[in-house]
Amino acid sequence: MTKYILHGTDFFFIKNKTQQLIKEAGIDAFNESHYDLDDVALDTALNDALTIPFMADKKAVVIKNAHFFADTKAQATFKESEQFKFLMGEDSAETILIFQVPHQTLLKNKTYKAFYETCEVIAARSKTAADLKGWVDRQLSKAQINLPKDAYDVLIERITHDAETAYHELQKLLLYAVDTPHIDRDTIDRLITVHLDDNVFTIMNLLMDGHKEAAFERIQMMLSAKEDALRILSAFINKFREMVLTQSLVASGMNQDGIQQYLNVKSGRAYYMMKNARLYNRAYVEKILKQLETYDWKIKTGLMDKTLALEMFVLGV
């Protein structure tokens, strides 16, 4: 049995590396199984891994959310498994077993260390904006695409939030460039999606720091890129509700790492969530949330134009 542990917070890398390993092994879809330990018992997945393939030379078993390799609270999942011990001495070449662990660091107790020695352990560190910018530059150079500075700056702003966004949006641009070598700022505005969630998070932090003008300019940029005003306002509502939740988690004693894992966000975002949760009192945040919900109600009942409501909110915070 060939065993892999893919761990880290770059989930796009983990997904693609899993597909690559299965493809390289020449395993067909009929002999590929996926299990999510948030939904099924570990032994259910391991029983499959320890069973010979059906009418094929090889099979692949992918086990998602194997938290027990990294989270001490989840170790009971491993300790209670009847099948895990059989993996230690398993030499069969018929199965490829892939554990996906959504944590940056693995536990290092004696039993785990012995098991790691039987696996190929691959880390998937989340890419920073600088990492993604470098990757975008290499892809543009390879495709011999030269963008005007204003178009390039907008491209980098919009797609260096996460690896999956960068990959899909750049593939769109490269495909477009096959037939249209001239790409300007207007082309980028029409072609490349504005990343709503990250933009809203940035605007929220600008507002909370008192930079209304910069926040308003970013709102106008999103509207000019055909982003719907009501959708932006709804995203603000979700973010302020998230802040109230974060304040509750901080009050309960949870640290930044705990919030990052609990809410499944990047470390940088968890940092700002913690910062804002501590900087602004609960009553103030709830007041803004109530304002947002009032604007949302007025829009949906036809009492206010959605763009006007969004602009009034930004200028009035």
Protein backbone atom coordinates (compact mmCIF):
# COMPACT_ATOMS: atom_id res chain seq x y z
CA MET A 1 0.00 0.00 0.00
CA THR A 2 1.30 3.44 -0.95
CA LYS A 3 0.36 6.02 1.65
CA TYR A 4 0.38 9.79 1.43
CA ILE A 5 -0.37 12.50 3.99
CA LEU A 6 -1.17 15.85 2.39
CA HIS A 7 -1.39 18.50 5.09
CA GLY A 8 -1.67 22.26 5.22
CA THR A 9 -4.04 25.12 4.53
CA ASP A 10 -3.66 25.37 0.75
CA PHE A 11 -6.73 23.28 0.01
CA PHE A 12 -6.48 23.96 -3.73
CA PHE A 13 -2.98 22.42 -3.77
CA ILE A 14 -4.17 19.42 -1.74
CA LYS A 15 -7.08 18.82 -4.13
CA ASN A 16 -4.89 19.06 -7.23
CA LYS A 17 -2.06 16.99 -5.75
CA THR A 18 -4.58 14.27 -4.89
CA GLN A 19 -5.85 14.22 -8.47
CA GLN A 20 -2.28 14.15 -9.77
CA LEU A 21 -1.28 11.17 -7.60
CA ILE A 22 -4.35 9.20 -8.69
CA LYS A 23 -3.81 10.04 -12.36
CA GLU A 24 -0.10 9.11 -12.24
CA ALA A 25 -1.05 5.73 -10.76
CA GLY A 26 -3.40 5.09 -13.67
CA ILE A 27 -6.42 4.47 -11.46
CA ASP A 28 -9.83 4.72 -13.10
CA ALA A 29 -12.81 6.50 -11.52
CA PHE A 30 -14.54 3.20 -10.74
CA ASN A 31 -11.74 2.30 -8.32
CA GLU A 32 -11.48 5.70 -6.67
CA SER A 33 -13.26 6.26 -3.34
CA HIS A 34 -13.56 9.40 -1.21
CA TYR A 35 -14.47 9.55 2.48
CA ASP A 36 -15.02 12.59 4.68
CA LEU A 37 -14.28 11.85 8.34
CA ASP A 38 -16.64 14.64 9.33
CA ASP A 39 -19.42 12.39 8.01
CA VAL A 40 -18.19 8.77 8.24
CA ALA A 41 -16.18 6.66 10.69
CA LEU A 42 -12.47 6.17 10.07
CA ASP A 43 -12.80 2.37 10.02
CA THR A 44 -15.33 2.59 7.18
CA ALA A 45 -12.69 4.25 5.02
CA LEU A 46 -9.87 1.98 6.17
CA ASN A 47 -11.92 -1.16 5.53
CA ASP A 48 -12.20 -0.01 1.93
CA ALA A 49 -8.46 0.71 1.76
CA LEU A 50 -7.65 -2.78 3.04
CA THR A 51 -9.94 -4.44 0.48
CA ILE A 52 -8.49 -5.52 -2.87
CA PRO A 53 -9.55 -3.58 -5.99
CA PHE A 54 -12.53 -4.77 -8.03
CA MET A 55 -11.46 -6.04 -11.46
CA ALA A 56 -8.40 -3.74 -11.51
CA ASP A 57 -4.75 -3.73 -10.50
CA LYS A 58 -4.99 -0.69 -8.25
CA LYS A 59 -7.45 1.43 -6.33
CA ALA A 60 -7.32 4.80 -4.56
CA VAL A 61 -8.91 5.71 -1.24
CA VAL A 62 -8.94 9.37 -0.27
CA ILE A 63 -9.68 10.24 3.35
CA LYS A 64 -10.61 13.89 3.83
CA ASN A 65 -10.49 15.83 7.13
CA ALA A 66 -8.12 13.44 8.91
CA HIS A 67 -7.93 15.86 11.84
CA PHE A 68 -6.53 13.22 14.20
CA PHE A 69 -3.05 13.67 12.67
CA ALA A 70 -2.95 17.30 13.87
CA ASP A 71 -5.63 17.95 16.50
CA THR A 72 -5.14 16.42 19.95
CA LYS A 73 -8.89 16.57 20.56
CA ALA A 74 -9.46 14.33 17.53
CA GLN A 75 -6.91 11.65 18.51
CA ALA A 76 -9.71 9.45 19.84
CA THR A 77 -10.72 8.84 16.21
CA PHE A 78 -7.33 7.20 15.63
CA LYS A 79 -7.10 5.42 19.00
CA GLU A 80 -10.54 3.83 18.63
CA SER A 81 -9.82 2.53 15.13
CA GLU A 82 -9.60 -1.25 14.81
CA GLN A 83 -8.03 -1.06 11.35
CA PHE A 84 -5.37 1.63 11.73
CA LYS A 85 -2.82 -0.75 13.24
CA PHE A 86 -2.96 -2.93 10.12
CA LEU A 87 -1.71 -0.03 8.02
CA MET A 88 1.64 0.00 9.86
CA GLY A 89 2.82 -3.25 8.31
CA GLU A 90 0.76 -3.19 5.11
CA ASP A 91 2.99 -3.92 2.08
CA SER A 92 0.33 -4.42 -0.57
CA ALA A 93 0.95 -2.38 -3.71
CA GLU A 94 -2.71 -2.54 -4.72
CA THR A 95 -3.99 0.53 -2.89
CA ILE A 96 -3.05 4.19 -2.85
CA LEU A 97 -4.24 5.72 0.41
CA ILE A 98 -4.31 9.51 0.68
CA PHE A 99 -4.99 11.31 3.95
CA GLN A 100 -5.97 14.97 3.60
CA VAL A 101 -5.20 16.91 6.79
CA PRO A 102 -6.41 20.55 6.86
CA HIS A 103 -3.76 21.66 9.37
CA GLN A 104 -0.32 23.20 8.94
CA THR A 105 1.43 21.16 11.64
CA LEU A 106 1.21 17.42 12.36
CA LEU A 107 1.35 15.82 15.81
CA LYS A 108 4.66 14.14 16.61
CA ASN A 109 4.00 11.45 19.21
CA LYS A 110 5.79 8.09 18.99
CA THR A 111 3.01 6.22 17.20
CA TYR A 112 2.49 8.92 14.62
CA LYS A 113 6.21 9.28 13.93
CA ALA A 114 6.42 5.56 13.19
CA PHE A 115 3.45 5.83 10.84
CA TYR A 116 4.86 8.89 9.06
CA GLU A 117 7.91 6.81 8.17
CA THR A 118 5.66 4.52 6.13
CA CYS A 119 4.13 7.47 4.23
CA GLU A 120 5.15 10.25 1.90
CA VAL A 121 4.29 13.41 3.83
CA ILE A 122 3.64 16.47 1.66
CA ALA A 123 3.09 19.94 3.13
CA ALA A 124 0.73 22.40 1.45
CA ARG A 125 1.57 25.85 2.78
CA SER A 126 -0.93 28.56 1.88
CA LYS A 127 0.43 30.85 -0.80
CA THR A 128 0.96 34.48 0.13
CA ALA A 129 -0.05 37.33 -2.16
CA ALA A 130 3.65 37.66 -3.08
CA ASP A 131 3.85 33.94 -3.97
CA LEU A 132 0.79 34.23 -6.21
CA LYS A 133 2.06 37.44 -7.83
CA GLY A 134 5.30 35.66 -8.73
CA TRP A 135 3.35 32.74 -10.18
CA VAL A 136 1.13 35.09 -12.23
CA ASP A 137 4.22 36.91 -13.56
CA ARG A 138 5.75 33.61 -14.70
CA GLN A 139 2.54 32.51 -16.44
CA LEU A 140 2.17 35.84 -18.24
CA SER A 141 5.81 35.71 -19.34
CA LYS A 142 5.46 32.14 -20.58
CA ALA A 143 2.39 33.13 -22.61
CA GLN A 144 4.21 36.28 -23.86
CA ILE A 145 1.47 38.58 -22.57
CA ASN A 146 2.50 42.14 -21.78
CA LEU A 147 -0.12 44.14 -19.91
CA PRO A 148 -0.24 47.92 -19.48
CA LYS A 149 0.59 48.86 -15.89
CA ASP A 150 -2.98 49.88 -14.99
CA ALA A 151 -4.36 46.57 -16.36
CA TYR A 152 -1.62 44.57 -14.61
CA ASP A 153 -2.23 46.30 -11.27
CA VAL A 154 -5.97 45.53 -11.42
CA LEU A 155 -5.27 41.90 -12.37
CA ILE A 156 -2.91 41.42 -9.41
CA GLU A 157 -5.36 43.14 -7.05
CA ARG A 158 -8.19 40.85 -8.08
CA ILE A 159 -6.60 37.41 -8.28
CA THR A 160 -3.86 37.17 -5.65
CA HIS A 161 -6.25 36.44 -2.76
CA ASP A 162 -5.98 32.65 -2.96
CA ALA A 163 -4.48 29.99 -5.22
CA GLU A 164 -7.76 28.70 -6.64
CA THR A 165 -8.93 32.17 -7.65
CA ALA A 166 -5.55 32.93 -9.23
CA TYR A 167 -5.55 29.70 -11.21
CA HIS A 168 -9.10 29.90 -12.59
CA GLU A 169 -9.05 33.62 -13.39
CA LEU A 170 -5.65 33.44 -15.09
CA GLN A 171 -6.75 30.45 -17.16
CA LYS A 172 -9.68 32.59 -18.32
CA LEU A 173 -7.30 35.39 -19.29
CA LEU A 174 -4.88 33.07 -21.11
CA LEU A 175 -7.72 31.54 -23.10
CA TYR A 176 -8.98 34.99 -24.07
CA ALA A 177 -5.46 36.08 -25.10
CA VAL A 178 -5.20 33.29 -27.69
CA ASP A 179 -7.51 35.23 -30.03
CA THR A 180 -7.01 38.75 -28.70
CA PRO A 181 -3.38 39.62 -27.94
CA HIS A 182 -4.20 43.23 -26.99
CA ILE A 183 -5.45 43.31 -23.40
CA ASP A 184 -6.08 46.63 -21.67
CA ARG A 185 -7.64 47.80 -18.41
CA ASP A 186 -11.16 47.64 -19.83
CA THR A 187 -10.58 44.02 -20.86
CA ILE A 188 -9.43 43.11 -17.35
CA ASP A 189 -12.47 44.88 -15.85
CA ARG A 190 -14.82 42.87 -18.07
CA LEU A 191 -13.00 39.56 -17.88
CA ILE A 192 -11.63 39.14 -14.36
CA THR A 193 -14.05 38.67 -11.48
CA VAL A 194 -13.94 41.01 -8.52
CA HIS A 195 -13.35 38.86 -5.45
CA LEU A 196 -16.33 39.99 -3.39
CA ASP A 197 -15.49 38.41 -0.05
CA ASP A 198 -11.95 39.76 0.19
CA ASN A 199 -12.95 43.19 -1.12
CA VAL A 200 -15.68 43.48 1.49
CA PHE A 201 -13.28 42.40 4.22
CA THR A 202 -10.77 45.08 3.11
CA ILE A 203 -13.49 47.75 2.95
CA MET A 204 -14.74 46.78 6.39
CA ASN A 205 -11.26 47.24 7.84
CA LEU A 206 -10.88 50.60 6.08
CA LEU A 207 -14.19 51.74 7.58
CA MET A 208 -13.30 50.51 11.05
CA ASP A 209 -9.99 52.42 10.81
CA GLY A 210 -11.80 55.60 9.74
CA HIS A 211 -10.68 55.64 6.07
CA LYS A 212 -14.09 56.37 4.56
CA GLU A 213 -12.77 57.93 1.36
CA ALA A 214 -10.62 54.91 0.49
CA ALA A 215 -13.52 52.58 1.33
CA PHE A 216 -15.88 54.62 -0.86
CA GLU A 217 -13.43 54.50 -3.78
CA ARG A 218 -13.19 50.72 -3.50
CA ILE A 219 -16.98 50.45 -3.44
CA GLN A 220 -17.14 52.52 -6.64
CA MET A 221 -14.56 50.22 -8.24
CA MET A 222 -16.69 47.19 -7.40
CA LEU A 223 -19.84 48.84 -8.76
CA SER A 224 -18.04 49.85 -11.97
CA ALA A 225 -17.05 46.19 -12.36
CA LYS A 226 -20.79 45.32 -12.38
CA GLU A 227 -20.89 43.94 -8.85
CA ASP A 228 -24.44 44.09 -7.48
CA ALA A 229 -24.93 46.64 -4.67
CA LEU A 230 -27.36 44.41 -2.76
CA ARG A 231 -24.91 41.52 -2.95
CA ILE A 232 -22.18 43.77 -1.50
CA LEU A 233 -24.50 44.94 1.28
CA SER A 234 -25.42 41.32 2.09
CA ALA A 235 -21.72 40.47 2.30
CA PHE A 236 -21.26 43.32 4.80
CA ILE A 237 -24.08 41.90 6.89
CA ASN A 238 -22.40 38.50 6.91
CA LYS A 239 -19.05 40.05 7.88
CA PHE A 240 -20.46 41.99 10.82
CA ARG A 241 -22.35 38.91 11.98
CA GLU A 242 -19.01 37.11 11.73
CA MET A 243 -17.44 39.82 13.90
CA VAL A 244 -20.10 39.33 16.56
CA LEU A 245 -19.37 35.60 16.48
CA THR A 246 -15.63 36.27 16.71
CA GLN A 247 -16.17 38.49 19.74
CA SER A 248 -18.08 35.65 21.39
CA LEU A 249 -15.25 33.19 20.58
CA VAL A 250 -12.60 35.57 21.92
CA ALA A 251 -14.66 36.10 25.09
CA SER A 252 -14.77 32.32 25.54
CA GLY A 253 -10.95 32.20 25.48
CA MET A 254 -10.30 31.05 21.90
CA ASN A 255 -7.01 32.22 20.35
CA GLN A 256 -6.17 33.15 16.73
CA ASP A 257 -5.30 29.57 15.69
CA GLY A 258 -8.54 28.31 17.16
CA ILE A 259 -10.59 30.93 15.32
CA GLN A 260 -8.73 30.19 12.08
CA GLN A 261 -9.64 26.51 12.30
CA TYR A 262 -13.15 27.03 13.70
CA LEU A 263 -14.17 29.48 10.96
CA ASN A 264 -11.95 27.93 8.25
CA VAL A 265 -10.21 31.18 7.29
CA LYS A 266 -6.64 32.16 6.44
CA SER A 267 -4.26 33.17 9.22
CA GLY A 268 -4.12 36.78 7.96
CA ARG A 269 -7.88 37.07 8.06
CA ALA A 270 -8.04 35.46 11.50
CA TYR A 271 -5.55 38.08 12.69
CA TYR A 272 -7.75 40.98 11.55
CA MET A 273 -10.88 39.29 12.89
CA MET A 274 -9.20 39.04 16.29
CA LYS A 275 -7.95 42.62 16.03
CA ASN A 276 -11.38 44.04 15.20
CA ALA A 277 -13.13 41.87 17.76
CA ARG A 278 -10.91 43.30 20.49
CA LEU A 279 -10.75 46.87 19.19
CA TYR A 280 -14.48 47.54 18.90
CA ASN A 281 -17.02 46.90 21.61
CA ARG A 282 -19.90 44.53 21.05
CA ALA A 283 -22.55 47.27 21.32
CA TYR A 284 -20.89 49.32 18.52
CA VAL A 285 -20.64 46.33 16.18
CA GLU A 286 -24.24 45.33 16.83
CA LYS A 287 -25.33 48.93 16.15
CA ILE A 288 -23.69 48.86 12.70
CA LEU A 289 -25.17 45.44 12.01
CA LYS A 290 -28.62 46.78 12.85
CA GLN A 291 -28.07 49.69 10.43
CA LEU A 292 -27.10 47.25 7.67
CA GLU A 293 -30.13 45.08 8.30
CA THR A 294 -32.37 48.19 8.18
CA TYR A 295 -30.91 49.19 4.80
CA ASP A 296 -31.38 45.62 3.57
CA TRP A 297 -35.07 45.69 4.65
CA LYS A 298 -35.66 49.07 2.98
CA ILE A 299 -34.16 47.84 -0.30
CA LYS A 300 -36.18 44.64 -0.33
CA THR A 301 -39.43 46.50 0.46
CA GLY A 302 -38.81 49.08 -2.28
CA LEU A 303 -38.24 52.02 0.06
CA MET A 304 -34.65 52.72 -1.03
CA ASP A 305 -32.40 52.29 -4.06
CA LYS A 306 -29.78 49.62 -3.37
CA THR A 307 -26.80 51.65 -4.63
CA LEU A 308 -27.84 54.69 -2.61
CA ALA A 309 -28.27 52.54 0.49
CA LEU A 310 -24.79 51.06 0.08
CA GLU A 311 -23.18 54.47 -0.41
CA MET A 312 -25.06 55.94 2.57
CA PHE A 313 -23.88 53.08 4.74
CA VAL A 314 -20.22 53.53 3.75
CA LEU A 315 -20.29 57.30 4.29
CA GLY A 316 -22.28 57.05 7.51
CA VAL A 317 -20.27 54.48 9.47
